[in-house]
């Protein structure tokens, strides 16, 4: 057996989970069953406030939570993993209710039932990308896909809306960020 599949017995995996430099959460049916301190710090919450809660509390709206879950299911069902950049919401502390860009990666423990059990990592991108304009839930989703380099047709397919509707949201984003073009919008989104 290779060394990577035969871990050293002196490694404390609980300590590694707790001290990981990114937020980590274990889930069952989209409910947090465990999390580390980095996740608590990122969302301004205590472990007791997060464990046993639906991931819904980390989203700016219930619609975004539902749509993201629906979008994740078939992708995780195929590959067992999912990753994106999205806007999340702080739960407590002095920044309670503030939104921020977050890179989220998940792995289903059983790809045929993606939400049954999984492990998720969360990386706060707010130091390099801030949320400046007030955006609707759909505008946040479109902005996230634009930043991933998707076309209007690809975004429409991912969100189950027409590419023309995506173009309407893109135009709204251009106005809100006072951008001159889509490339200028991208620059402003990335800069915050």
N, C-alpha and C. Protein backbone atom coordinates (compact mmCIF):
# COMPACT_ATOMS: atom_id res chain seq x y z
N UNK A 1 0.86 -1.18 0.00
CA UNK A 1 0.00 0.00 0.00
C UNK A 1 0.90 1.23 0.00
N UNK A 2 0.54 2.26 -0.78
CA UNK A 2 1.36 3.47 -0.86
C UNK A 2 1.24 4.29 0.42
N UNK A 3 2.22 5.16 0.63
CA UNK A 3 2.25 5.99 1.84
C UNK A 3 1.02 6.89 1.93
N UNK A 4 0.51 7.36 0.77
CA UNK A 4 -0.64 8.26 0.83
C UNK A 4 -1.91 7.55 1.27
N UNK A 5 -1.98 6.24 1.12
CA UNK A 5 -3.15 5.49 1.56
C UNK A 5 -2.92 4.79 2.89
N UNK A 6 -1.75 4.94 3.44
CA UNK A 6 -1.42 4.34 4.73
C UNK A 6 -0.87 5.44 5.64
N UNK A 7 -1.79 6.30 6.17
CA UNK A 7 -1.33 7.45 6.94
C UNK A 7 -0.60 7.03 8.20
N UNK A 8 0.30 7.91 8.60
CA UNK A 8 1.06 7.68 9.81
C UNK A 8 0.13 7.70 11.01
N UNK A 9 0.29 6.75 11.93
CA UNK A 9 -0.61 6.68 13.08
C UNK A 9 -0.44 7.87 14.04
N UNK A 10 0.63 8.66 13.91
CA UNK A 10 0.84 9.77 14.85
C UNK A 10 0.21 11.08 14.37
N UNK A 11 -0.49 11.08 13.25
CA UNK A 11 -1.17 12.29 12.78
C UNK A 11 -2.52 12.41 13.48
N UNK A 12 -2.77 13.56 14.09
CA UNK A 12 -4.04 13.82 14.77
C UNK A 12 -4.97 14.49 13.76
N UNK A 13 -5.84 13.69 13.14
CA UNK A 13 -6.71 14.21 12.10
C UNK A 13 -7.73 15.21 12.63
N UNK A 14 -8.18 15.06 13.85
CA UNK A 14 -9.11 16.03 14.44
C UNK A 14 -8.43 17.39 14.57
N UNK A 15 -7.18 17.38 15.03
CA UNK A 15 -6.43 18.61 15.18
C UNK A 15 -6.18 19.25 13.81
N UNK A 16 -5.86 18.43 12.82
CA UNK A 16 -5.65 18.94 11.46
C UNK A 16 -6.93 19.59 10.93
N UNK A 17 -8.07 18.98 11.15
CA UNK A 17 -9.37 19.54 10.74
C UNK A 17 -9.61 20.86 11.45
N UNK A 18 -9.41 20.87 12.76
CA UNK A 18 -9.68 22.08 13.55
C UNK A 18 -8.76 23.24 13.19
N UNK A 19 -7.51 22.95 12.84
CA UNK A 19 -6.53 24.01 12.58
C UNK A 19 -6.29 24.29 11.10
N UNK A 20 -7.08 23.69 10.22
CA UNK A 20 -6.92 23.92 8.78
C UNK A 20 -7.01 25.41 8.48
N UNK A 21 -6.23 25.89 7.49
CA UNK A 21 -6.22 27.32 7.18
C UNK A 21 -7.44 27.81 6.40
N UNK A 22 -8.36 26.93 6.08
CA UNK A 22 -9.61 27.29 5.41
C UNK A 22 -10.78 26.76 6.23
N UNK A 23 -11.95 27.36 6.02
CA UNK A 23 -13.13 26.87 6.72
C UNK A 23 -13.52 25.51 6.19
N UNK A 24 -13.82 24.59 7.10
CA UNK A 24 -14.24 23.24 6.73
C UNK A 24 -15.54 22.89 7.44
N UNK A 25 -16.41 22.18 6.72
CA UNK A 25 -17.66 21.70 7.31
C UNK A 25 -17.95 20.31 6.78
N UNK A 26 -18.43 19.46 7.65
CA UNK A 26 -18.95 18.15 7.27
C UNK A 26 -20.46 18.28 7.24
N UNK A 27 -21.09 17.67 6.24
CA UNK A 27 -22.54 17.84 6.10
C UNK A 27 -23.26 16.52 5.91
N UNK A 28 -24.54 16.57 6.28
CA UNK A 28 -25.50 15.51 5.98
C UNK A 28 -26.79 16.22 5.57
N UNK A 29 -27.28 15.90 4.38
CA UNK A 29 -28.51 16.50 3.86
C UNK A 29 -28.50 18.03 3.98
N UNK A 30 -27.36 18.65 3.62
CA UNK A 30 -27.17 20.10 3.59
C UNK A 30 -27.27 20.74 4.98
N UNK A 31 -26.99 19.94 6.00
CA UNK A 31 -26.93 20.43 7.38
C UNK A 31 -25.50 20.23 7.88
N UNK A 32 -24.97 21.23 8.57
CA UNK A 32 -23.61 21.13 9.10
C UNK A 32 -23.60 20.22 10.33
N UNK A 33 -22.83 19.14 10.26
CA UNK A 33 -22.72 18.23 11.40
C UNK A 33 -21.42 18.45 12.16
N UNK A 34 -20.49 19.17 11.55
CA UNK A 34 -19.24 19.55 12.22
C UNK A 34 -18.61 20.67 11.41
N UNK A 35 -17.81 21.48 12.07
CA UNK A 35 -17.09 22.55 11.38
C UNK A 35 -15.85 22.91 12.18
N UNK A 36 -14.93 23.61 11.54
CA UNK A 36 -13.71 24.00 12.24
C UNK A 36 -13.77 25.47 12.65
N UNK A 37 -12.77 25.91 13.39
CA UNK A 37 -12.73 27.28 13.89
C UNK A 37 -12.61 28.30 12.77
N UNK A 38 -11.88 27.97 11.70
CA UNK A 38 -11.73 28.89 10.58
C UNK A 38 -13.10 29.22 9.97
N UNK A 39 -13.99 28.24 9.87
CA UNK A 39 -15.33 28.49 9.34
C UNK A 39 -16.10 29.40 10.29
N UNK A 40 -16.01 29.11 11.58
CA UNK A 40 -16.69 29.95 12.58
C UNK A 40 -16.21 31.40 12.48
N UNK A 41 -14.90 31.58 12.42
CA UNK A 41 -14.33 32.93 12.33
C UNK A 41 -14.79 33.64 11.07
N UNK A 42 -14.79 32.93 9.95
CA UNK A 42 -15.16 33.51 8.67
C UNK A 42 -16.60 34.04 8.69
N UNK A 43 -17.50 33.27 9.29
CA UNK A 43 -18.91 33.64 9.30
C UNK A 43 -19.34 34.37 10.57
N UNK A 44 -18.38 34.63 11.48
CA UNK A 44 -18.68 35.37 12.69
C UNK A 44 -19.61 34.64 13.62
N UNK A 45 -19.42 33.33 13.74
CA UNK A 45 -20.33 32.50 14.54
C UNK A 45 -19.54 31.58 15.45
N UNK A 46 -20.21 31.03 16.42
CA UNK A 46 -19.60 29.99 17.26
C UNK A 46 -19.93 28.64 16.64
N UNK A 47 -19.19 27.64 17.04
CA UNK A 47 -19.46 26.29 16.54
C UNK A 47 -20.89 25.87 16.90
N UNK A 48 -21.33 26.25 18.10
CA UNK A 48 -22.67 25.89 18.55
C UNK A 48 -23.75 26.54 17.68
N UNK A 49 -23.46 27.72 17.11
CA UNK A 49 -24.42 28.39 16.24
C UNK A 49 -24.50 27.74 14.86
N UNK A 50 -23.46 27.02 14.46
CA UNK A 50 -23.42 26.45 13.11
C UNK A 50 -23.77 24.96 13.07
N UNK A 51 -23.21 24.19 13.98
CA UNK A 51 -23.44 22.73 13.95
C UNK A 51 -24.93 22.46 14.21
N UNK A 52 -25.50 21.65 13.33
CA UNK A 52 -26.92 21.33 13.40
C UNK A 52 -27.79 22.25 12.56
N UNK A 53 -27.18 23.29 11.98
CA UNK A 53 -27.92 24.24 11.15
C UNK A 53 -27.80 23.89 9.67
N UNK A 54 -28.80 24.26 8.92
CA UNK A 54 -28.75 24.15 7.47
C UNK A 54 -27.73 25.16 6.94
N UNK A 55 -27.09 24.82 5.82
CA UNK A 55 -26.21 25.78 5.16
C UNK A 55 -26.98 27.03 4.75
N UNK A 56 -28.29 26.98 4.75
CA UNK A 56 -29.14 28.12 4.36
C UNK A 56 -28.73 29.39 5.10
N UNK A 57 -28.32 29.28 6.38
CA UNK A 57 -28.00 30.48 7.16
C UNK A 57 -26.77 31.21 6.63
N UNK A 58 -25.98 30.56 5.77
CA UNK A 58 -24.78 31.18 5.21
C UNK A 58 -25.03 31.88 3.89
N UNK A 59 -26.24 31.78 3.37
CA UNK A 59 -26.60 32.37 2.07
C UNK A 59 -27.34 33.69 2.27
N UNK A 60 -27.16 34.63 1.34
CA UNK A 60 -27.88 35.90 1.45
C UNK A 60 -29.40 35.75 1.31
N UNK A 61 -29.87 34.70 0.63
CA UNK A 61 -31.32 34.51 0.47
C UNK A 61 -31.64 33.02 0.36
N UNK A 62 -32.89 32.70 0.68
CA UNK A 62 -33.37 31.31 0.57
C UNK A 62 -33.35 30.85 -0.88
N UNK A 63 -33.68 31.77 -1.82
CA UNK A 63 -33.67 31.41 -3.25
C UNK A 63 -32.29 30.96 -3.70
N UNK A 64 -31.25 31.69 -3.28
CA UNK A 64 -29.89 31.33 -3.69
C UNK A 64 -29.51 29.96 -3.11
N UNK A 65 -29.89 29.71 -1.89
CA UNK A 65 -29.63 28.41 -1.26
C UNK A 65 -30.30 27.29 -2.07
N UNK A 66 -31.57 27.47 -2.41
CA UNK A 66 -32.31 26.44 -3.15
C UNK A 66 -31.74 26.24 -4.54
N UNK A 67 -31.49 27.34 -5.26
CA UNK A 67 -30.98 27.22 -6.63
C UNK A 67 -29.58 26.62 -6.66
N UNK A 68 -28.74 27.00 -5.70
CA UNK A 68 -27.39 26.44 -5.66
C UNK A 68 -27.46 24.94 -5.40
N UNK A 69 -28.30 24.53 -4.46
CA UNK A 69 -28.46 23.10 -4.18
C UNK A 69 -28.91 22.32 -5.40
N UNK A 70 -29.86 22.89 -6.13
CA UNK A 70 -30.36 22.23 -7.35
C UNK A 70 -29.27 22.16 -8.42
N UNK A 71 -28.46 23.22 -8.52
CA UNK A 71 -27.39 23.25 -9.53
C UNK A 71 -26.27 22.27 -9.18
N UNK A 72 -25.97 22.14 -7.90
CA UNK A 72 -24.88 21.28 -7.44
C UNK A 72 -25.20 19.80 -7.65
N UNK A 73 -26.44 19.42 -7.42
CA UNK A 73 -26.82 18.00 -7.40
C UNK A 73 -26.36 17.22 -8.63
N UNK A 74 -26.71 17.62 -9.86
CA UNK A 74 -26.29 16.80 -11.00
C UNK A 74 -24.77 16.82 -11.22
N UNK A 75 -24.12 17.95 -10.92
CA UNK A 75 -22.68 18.03 -11.11
C UNK A 75 -21.93 17.13 -10.13
N UNK A 76 -22.34 17.16 -8.86
CA UNK A 76 -21.70 16.28 -7.88
C UNK A 76 -22.06 14.82 -8.14
N UNK A 77 -23.25 14.60 -8.69
CA UNK A 77 -23.66 13.24 -9.01
C UNK A 77 -22.77 12.61 -10.08
N UNK A 78 -22.22 13.45 -10.97
CA UNK A 78 -21.33 12.94 -12.04
C UNK A 78 -19.91 12.77 -11.54
N UNK A 79 -19.37 13.80 -10.89
CA UNK A 79 -17.95 13.77 -10.55
C UNK A 79 -17.65 13.59 -9.07
N UNK A 80 -18.66 13.81 -8.24
CA UNK A 80 -18.44 13.72 -6.80
C UNK A 80 -17.92 15.01 -6.18
N UNK A 81 -17.57 16.01 -7.03
CA UNK A 81 -17.06 17.27 -6.50
C UNK A 81 -17.78 18.44 -7.15
N UNK A 82 -17.69 19.58 -6.48
CA UNK A 82 -18.26 20.82 -7.01
C UNK A 82 -17.44 21.98 -6.45
N UNK A 83 -17.28 23.04 -7.25
CA UNK A 83 -16.52 24.20 -6.82
C UNK A 83 -17.04 25.44 -7.52
N UNK A 84 -17.14 26.54 -6.79
CA UNK A 84 -17.50 27.82 -7.40
C UNK A 84 -17.12 28.98 -6.48
N UNK A 85 -17.24 30.19 -7.01
CA UNK A 85 -17.13 31.41 -6.23
C UNK A 85 -18.54 31.94 -6.10
N UNK A 86 -18.92 32.32 -4.89
CA UNK A 86 -20.27 32.83 -4.68
C UNK A 86 -20.26 33.85 -3.56
N UNK A 87 -21.33 34.60 -3.48
CA UNK A 87 -21.48 35.56 -2.38
C UNK A 87 -22.18 34.85 -1.24
N UNK A 88 -21.58 34.94 -0.05
CA UNK A 88 -22.13 34.33 1.16
C UNK A 88 -22.44 35.45 2.16
N UNK A 89 -23.03 35.09 3.30
CA UNK A 89 -23.45 36.08 4.29
C UNK A 89 -22.89 35.72 5.67
N UNK A 90 -22.36 36.73 6.36
CA UNK A 90 -21.85 36.53 7.72
C UNK A 90 -23.05 36.34 8.65
N UNK A 91 -22.88 35.42 9.61
CA UNK A 91 -23.97 35.03 10.50
C UNK A 91 -24.01 35.89 11.77
N UNK A 92 -22.86 36.27 12.27
CA UNK A 92 -22.84 36.99 13.54
C UNK A 92 -21.65 37.91 13.65
N UNK A 93 -21.41 38.37 14.86
CA UNK A 93 -20.28 39.26 15.12
C UNK A 93 -20.57 40.67 14.62
N UNK A 94 -19.56 41.49 14.60
CA UNK A 94 -19.73 42.89 14.20
C UNK A 94 -20.08 43.04 12.72
N UNK A 95 -19.81 42.01 11.93
CA UNK A 95 -20.12 42.07 10.49
C UNK A 95 -21.40 41.30 10.14
N UNK A 96 -22.21 40.97 11.13
CA UNK A 96 -23.42 40.18 10.89
C UNK A 96 -24.25 40.75 9.75
N UNK A 97 -24.63 39.88 8.82
CA UNK A 97 -25.44 40.27 7.68
C UNK A 97 -24.64 40.76 6.48
N UNK A 98 -23.35 41.07 6.67
CA UNK A 98 -22.52 41.51 5.55
C UNK A 98 -22.34 40.36 4.57
N UNK A 99 -22.28 40.70 3.29
CA UNK A 99 -22.02 39.70 2.26
C UNK A 99 -20.56 39.78 1.83
N UNK A 100 -20.05 38.65 1.36
CA UNK A 100 -18.65 38.58 0.92
C UNK A 100 -18.50 37.47 -0.11
N UNK A 101 -17.48 37.63 -0.97
CA UNK A 101 -17.17 36.60 -1.96
C UNK A 101 -16.46 35.45 -1.27
N UNK A 102 -16.84 34.24 -1.63
CA UNK A 102 -16.29 33.04 -1.00
C UNK A 102 -16.06 31.98 -2.07
N UNK A 103 -14.92 31.31 -2.00
CA UNK A 103 -14.67 30.16 -2.88
C UNK A 103 -15.10 28.92 -2.11
N UNK A 104 -16.01 28.15 -2.68
CA UNK A 104 -16.57 26.97 -2.01
C UNK A 104 -16.26 25.74 -2.84
N UNK A 105 -15.75 24.71 -2.18
CA UNK A 105 -15.48 23.43 -2.84
C UNK A 105 -16.07 22.33 -1.98
N UNK A 106 -16.73 21.38 -2.64
CA UNK A 106 -17.33 20.27 -1.90
C UNK A 106 -17.06 18.94 -2.55
N UNK A 107 -17.08 17.93 -1.72
CA UNK A 107 -16.93 16.54 -2.20
C UNK A 107 -18.02 15.71 -1.54
N UNK A 108 -18.79 15.03 -2.38
CA UNK A 108 -19.82 14.12 -1.87
C UNK A 108 -19.14 12.82 -1.45
N UNK A 109 -19.52 12.31 -0.30
CA UNK A 109 -18.95 11.03 0.13
C UNK A 109 -19.59 9.87 -0.64
N UNK A 110 -20.80 10.11 -1.18
CA UNK A 110 -21.50 9.13 -2.01
C UNK A 110 -22.03 9.89 -3.24
N UNK A 111 -21.28 9.90 -4.35
CA UNK A 111 -21.71 10.69 -5.51
C UNK A 111 -23.13 10.40 -6.02
N UNK A 112 -23.61 9.19 -5.82
CA UNK A 112 -24.96 8.88 -6.30
C UNK A 112 -26.04 9.56 -5.46
N UNK A 113 -25.71 10.01 -4.25
CA UNK A 113 -26.61 10.81 -3.41
C UNK A 113 -25.80 12.00 -2.88
N UNK A 114 -25.59 13.02 -3.73
CA UNK A 114 -24.65 14.11 -3.45
C UNK A 114 -24.86 14.86 -2.13
N UNK A 115 -26.10 15.03 -1.70
CA UNK A 115 -26.32 15.79 -0.48
C UNK A 115 -26.38 14.92 0.77
N UNK A 116 -26.27 13.59 0.61
CA UNK A 116 -26.36 12.71 1.77
C UNK A 116 -25.26 13.00 2.78
N UNK A 117 -24.02 13.11 2.33
CA UNK A 117 -22.90 13.40 3.22
C UNK A 117 -21.77 13.98 2.40
N UNK A 118 -21.09 14.98 2.95
CA UNK A 118 -20.01 15.59 2.21
C UNK A 118 -19.08 16.39 3.10
N UNK A 119 -17.99 16.83 2.49
CA UNK A 119 -17.07 17.73 3.15
C UNK A 119 -16.91 18.96 2.27
N UNK A 120 -16.93 20.13 2.90
CA UNK A 120 -16.93 21.41 2.19
C UNK A 120 -15.84 22.30 2.73
N UNK A 121 -15.16 22.99 1.81
CA UNK A 121 -14.18 23.99 2.23
C UNK A 121 -14.66 25.35 1.77
N UNK A 122 -14.37 26.36 2.57
CA UNK A 122 -14.78 27.74 2.32
C UNK A 122 -13.55 28.62 2.47
N UNK A 123 -13.29 29.43 1.43
CA UNK A 123 -12.17 30.36 1.47
C UNK A 123 -12.71 31.77 1.27
N UNK A 124 -12.49 32.62 2.25
CA UNK A 124 -12.95 34.01 2.22
C UNK A 124 -12.10 34.79 1.21
N UNK A 125 -12.75 35.34 0.19
CA UNK A 125 -12.05 36.11 -0.84
C UNK A 125 -12.17 37.62 -0.62
N UNK A 126 -12.72 38.03 0.52
CA UNK A 126 -13.01 39.45 0.72
C UNK A 126 -11.79 40.35 0.75
N UNK A 127 -10.62 39.81 1.06
CA UNK A 127 -9.43 40.66 1.08
C UNK A 127 -9.02 41.07 -0.34
N UNK A 128 -9.39 40.27 -1.33
CA UNK A 128 -9.04 40.60 -2.71
C UNK A 128 -10.24 40.97 -3.57
N UNK A 129 -11.45 40.71 -3.06
CA UNK A 129 -12.65 40.96 -3.85
C UNK A 129 -13.78 41.33 -2.88
N UNK A 130 -14.21 42.58 -2.92
CA UNK A 130 -15.28 43.00 -2.02
C UNK A 130 -16.59 43.15 -2.79
N UNK A 131 -17.68 43.10 -2.06
CA UNK A 131 -19.00 43.29 -2.64
C UNK A 131 -19.36 44.75 -2.39
N UNK A 132 -19.38 45.55 -3.46
CA UNK A 132 -19.65 46.98 -3.29
C UNK A 132 -21.09 47.36 -3.61
N UNK A 133 -21.62 46.86 -4.69
CA UNK A 133 -22.98 47.25 -5.10
C UNK A 133 -24.00 46.34 -4.44
N UNK A 134 -25.21 46.88 -4.19
CA UNK A 134 -26.32 46.07 -3.71
C UNK A 134 -26.82 45.24 -4.88
N UNK A 135 -26.74 43.94 -4.76
CA UNK A 135 -27.14 43.07 -5.86
C UNK A 135 -28.31 42.19 -5.42
N UNK A 136 -29.17 41.87 -6.39
CA UNK A 136 -30.25 40.92 -6.13
C UNK A 136 -29.64 39.52 -6.11
N UNK A 137 -30.38 38.55 -5.59
CA UNK A 137 -29.85 37.17 -5.60
C UNK A 137 -29.45 36.70 -7.00
N UNK A 138 -30.28 36.97 -8.01
CA UNK A 138 -29.96 36.51 -9.36
C UNK A 138 -28.75 37.26 -9.91
N UNK A 139 -28.63 38.56 -9.60
CA UNK A 139 -27.46 39.31 -10.05
C UNK A 139 -26.18 38.74 -9.44
N UNK A 140 -26.25 38.32 -8.19
CA UNK A 140 -25.08 37.70 -7.55
C UNK A 140 -24.69 36.42 -8.26
N UNK A 141 -25.69 35.61 -8.63
CA UNK A 141 -25.40 34.36 -9.35
C UNK A 141 -24.79 34.63 -10.71
N UNK A 142 -25.37 35.57 -11.46
CA UNK A 142 -24.85 35.90 -12.79
C UNK A 142 -23.43 36.45 -12.65
N UNK A 143 -23.20 37.33 -11.68
CA UNK A 143 -21.86 37.90 -11.47
C UNK A 143 -20.84 36.79 -11.19
N UNK A 144 -21.21 35.83 -10.37
CA UNK A 144 -20.29 34.73 -10.05
C UNK A 144 -19.93 33.95 -11.31
N UNK A 145 -20.91 33.65 -12.16
CA UNK A 145 -20.64 32.91 -13.38
C UNK A 145 -19.83 33.74 -14.38
N UNK A 146 -20.11 35.05 -14.45
CA UNK A 146 -19.32 35.93 -15.32
C UNK A 146 -17.85 35.89 -14.90
N UNK A 147 -17.61 35.91 -13.60
CA UNK A 147 -16.24 35.91 -13.11
C UNK A 147 -15.55 34.57 -13.39
N UNK A 148 -16.33 33.54 -13.59
CA UNK A 148 -15.76 32.24 -13.97
C UNK A 148 -15.54 32.15 -15.47
N UNK A 149 -15.90 33.22 -16.21
CA UNK A 149 -15.65 33.27 -17.65
C UNK A 149 -16.71 32.62 -18.51
N UNK A 150 -17.90 32.37 -17.96
CA UNK A 150 -18.95 31.73 -18.75
C UNK A 150 -19.64 32.74 -19.66
N UNK A 151 -20.13 32.26 -20.79
CA UNK A 151 -20.90 33.08 -21.72
C UNK A 151 -22.34 33.17 -21.23
N UNK A 152 -23.12 34.07 -21.86
CA UNK A 152 -24.53 34.21 -21.50
C UNK A 152 -25.28 32.90 -21.71
N UNK A 153 -24.97 32.20 -22.80
CA UNK A 153 -25.64 30.91 -23.05
C UNK A 153 -25.29 29.88 -21.98
N UNK A 154 -24.01 29.82 -21.58
CA UNK A 154 -23.60 28.88 -20.54
C UNK A 154 -24.22 29.22 -19.20
N UNK A 155 -24.27 30.51 -18.89
CA UNK A 155 -24.88 30.95 -17.63
C UNK A 155 -26.37 30.62 -17.64
N UNK A 156 -27.03 30.91 -18.77
CA UNK A 156 -28.45 30.60 -18.89
C UNK A 156 -28.73 29.13 -18.67
N UNK A 157 -27.90 28.29 -19.26
CA UNK A 157 -28.08 26.85 -19.08
C UNK A 157 -27.89 26.45 -17.62
N UNK A 158 -26.85 26.99 -16.98
CA UNK A 158 -26.56 26.65 -15.58
C UNK A 158 -27.68 27.12 -14.64
N UNK A 159 -28.29 28.26 -14.96
CA UNK A 159 -29.34 28.82 -14.10
C UNK A 159 -30.75 28.50 -14.57
N UNK A 160 -30.86 27.76 -15.67
CA UNK A 160 -32.16 27.39 -16.26
C UNK A 160 -32.99 28.62 -16.61
N UNK A 161 -32.31 29.61 -17.22
CA UNK A 161 -32.97 30.80 -17.73
C UNK A 161 -32.44 31.06 -19.14
N UNK A 162 -33.11 31.91 -19.90
CA UNK A 162 -32.66 32.15 -21.27
C UNK A 162 -31.40 33.02 -21.27
N UNK A 163 -30.63 32.91 -22.36
CA UNK A 163 -29.42 33.73 -22.46
C UNK A 163 -29.79 35.21 -22.56
N UNK A 164 -30.97 35.50 -23.09
CA UNK A 164 -31.41 36.91 -23.16
C UNK A 164 -31.67 37.46 -21.75
N UNK A 165 -32.21 36.63 -20.89
CA UNK A 165 -32.41 37.06 -19.49
C UNK A 165 -31.07 37.30 -18.82
N UNK A 166 -30.10 36.46 -19.11
CA UNK A 166 -28.74 36.66 -18.57
C UNK A 166 -28.20 38.01 -19.05
N UNK A 167 -28.44 38.32 -20.31
CA UNK A 167 -27.94 39.60 -20.85
C UNK A 167 -28.60 40.79 -20.16
N UNK A 168 -29.86 40.65 -19.76
CA UNK A 168 -30.54 41.72 -19.00
C UNK A 168 -29.84 41.91 -17.65
N UNK A 169 -29.54 40.80 -16.98
CA UNK A 169 -28.84 40.89 -15.69
C UNK A 169 -27.43 41.45 -15.86
N UNK A 170 -26.77 41.07 -16.94
CA UNK A 170 -25.43 41.60 -17.21
C UNK A 170 -25.51 43.12 -17.38
N UNK A 171 -26.52 43.59 -18.12
CA UNK A 171 -26.70 45.04 -18.33
C UNK A 171 -26.96 45.75 -17.00
N UNK A 172 -27.74 45.13 -16.13
CA UNK A 172 -27.99 45.71 -14.80
C UNK A 172 -26.69 45.80 -14.00
N UNK A 173 -25.89 44.75 -14.07
CA UNK A 173 -24.60 44.76 -13.36
C UNK A 173 -23.69 45.86 -13.91
N UNK A 174 -23.67 46.02 -15.23
CA UNK A 174 -22.85 47.07 -15.85
C UNK A 174 -23.29 48.44 -15.33
N UNK A 175 -24.60 48.65 -15.24
CA UNK A 175 -25.10 49.94 -14.71
C UNK A 175 -24.72 50.11 -13.23
N UNK A 176 -24.96 49.09 -12.43
CA UNK A 176 -24.70 49.20 -10.99
C UNK A 176 -23.23 49.45 -10.70
N UNK A 177 -22.35 48.83 -11.48
CA UNK A 177 -20.91 49.01 -11.26
C UNK A 177 -20.33 50.15 -12.09
N UNK A 178 -21.23 50.84 -12.82
CA UNK A 178 -20.83 51.97 -13.66
C UNK A 178 -19.67 51.58 -14.59
N UNK A 179 -19.81 50.40 -15.17
CA UNK A 179 -18.80 49.87 -16.09
C UNK A 179 -19.13 50.31 -17.51
N UNK A 180 -18.12 50.32 -18.37
CA UNK A 180 -18.29 50.72 -19.76
C UNK A 180 -18.57 49.53 -20.67
N UNK A 181 -18.19 48.33 -20.22
CA UNK A 181 -18.32 47.14 -21.05
C UNK A 181 -18.26 45.92 -20.14
N UNK A 182 -18.46 44.74 -20.73
CA UNK A 182 -18.35 43.51 -19.93
C UNK A 182 -16.94 43.32 -19.39
N UNK A 183 -15.88 43.52 -20.18
CA UNK A 183 -14.53 43.39 -19.60
C UNK A 183 -14.29 44.39 -18.45
N UNK A 184 -14.82 45.61 -18.60
CA UNK A 184 -14.70 46.60 -17.52
C UNK A 184 -15.48 46.13 -16.30
N UNK A 185 -16.66 45.55 -16.51
CA UNK A 185 -17.44 44.99 -15.40
C UNK A 185 -16.65 43.92 -14.68
N UNK A 186 -16.03 43.02 -15.46
CA UNK A 186 -15.23 41.94 -14.86
C UNK A 186 -14.13 42.50 -13.97
N UNK A 187 -13.47 43.52 -14.47
CA UNK A 187 -12.39 44.15 -13.72
C UNK A 187 -12.94 44.74 -12.41
N UNK A 188 -14.09 45.40 -12.49
CA UNK A 188 -14.69 46.02 -11.31
C UNK A 188 -15.19 44.97 -10.32
N UNK A 189 -15.74 43.87 -10.83
CA UNK A 189 -16.17 42.78 -9.94
C UNK A 189 -14.96 42.18 -9.22
N UNK A 190 -13.90 41.96 -9.96
CA UNK A 190 -12.70 41.38 -9.35
C UNK A 190 -12.04 42.32 -8.36
N UNK A 191 -12.12 43.62 -8.63
CA UNK A 191 -11.53 44.61 -7.74
C UNK A 191 -12.45 44.92 -6.56
N UNK A 192 -13.72 44.56 -6.70
CA UNK A 192 -14.68 44.87 -5.65
C UNK A 192 -15.40 46.08 -6.02
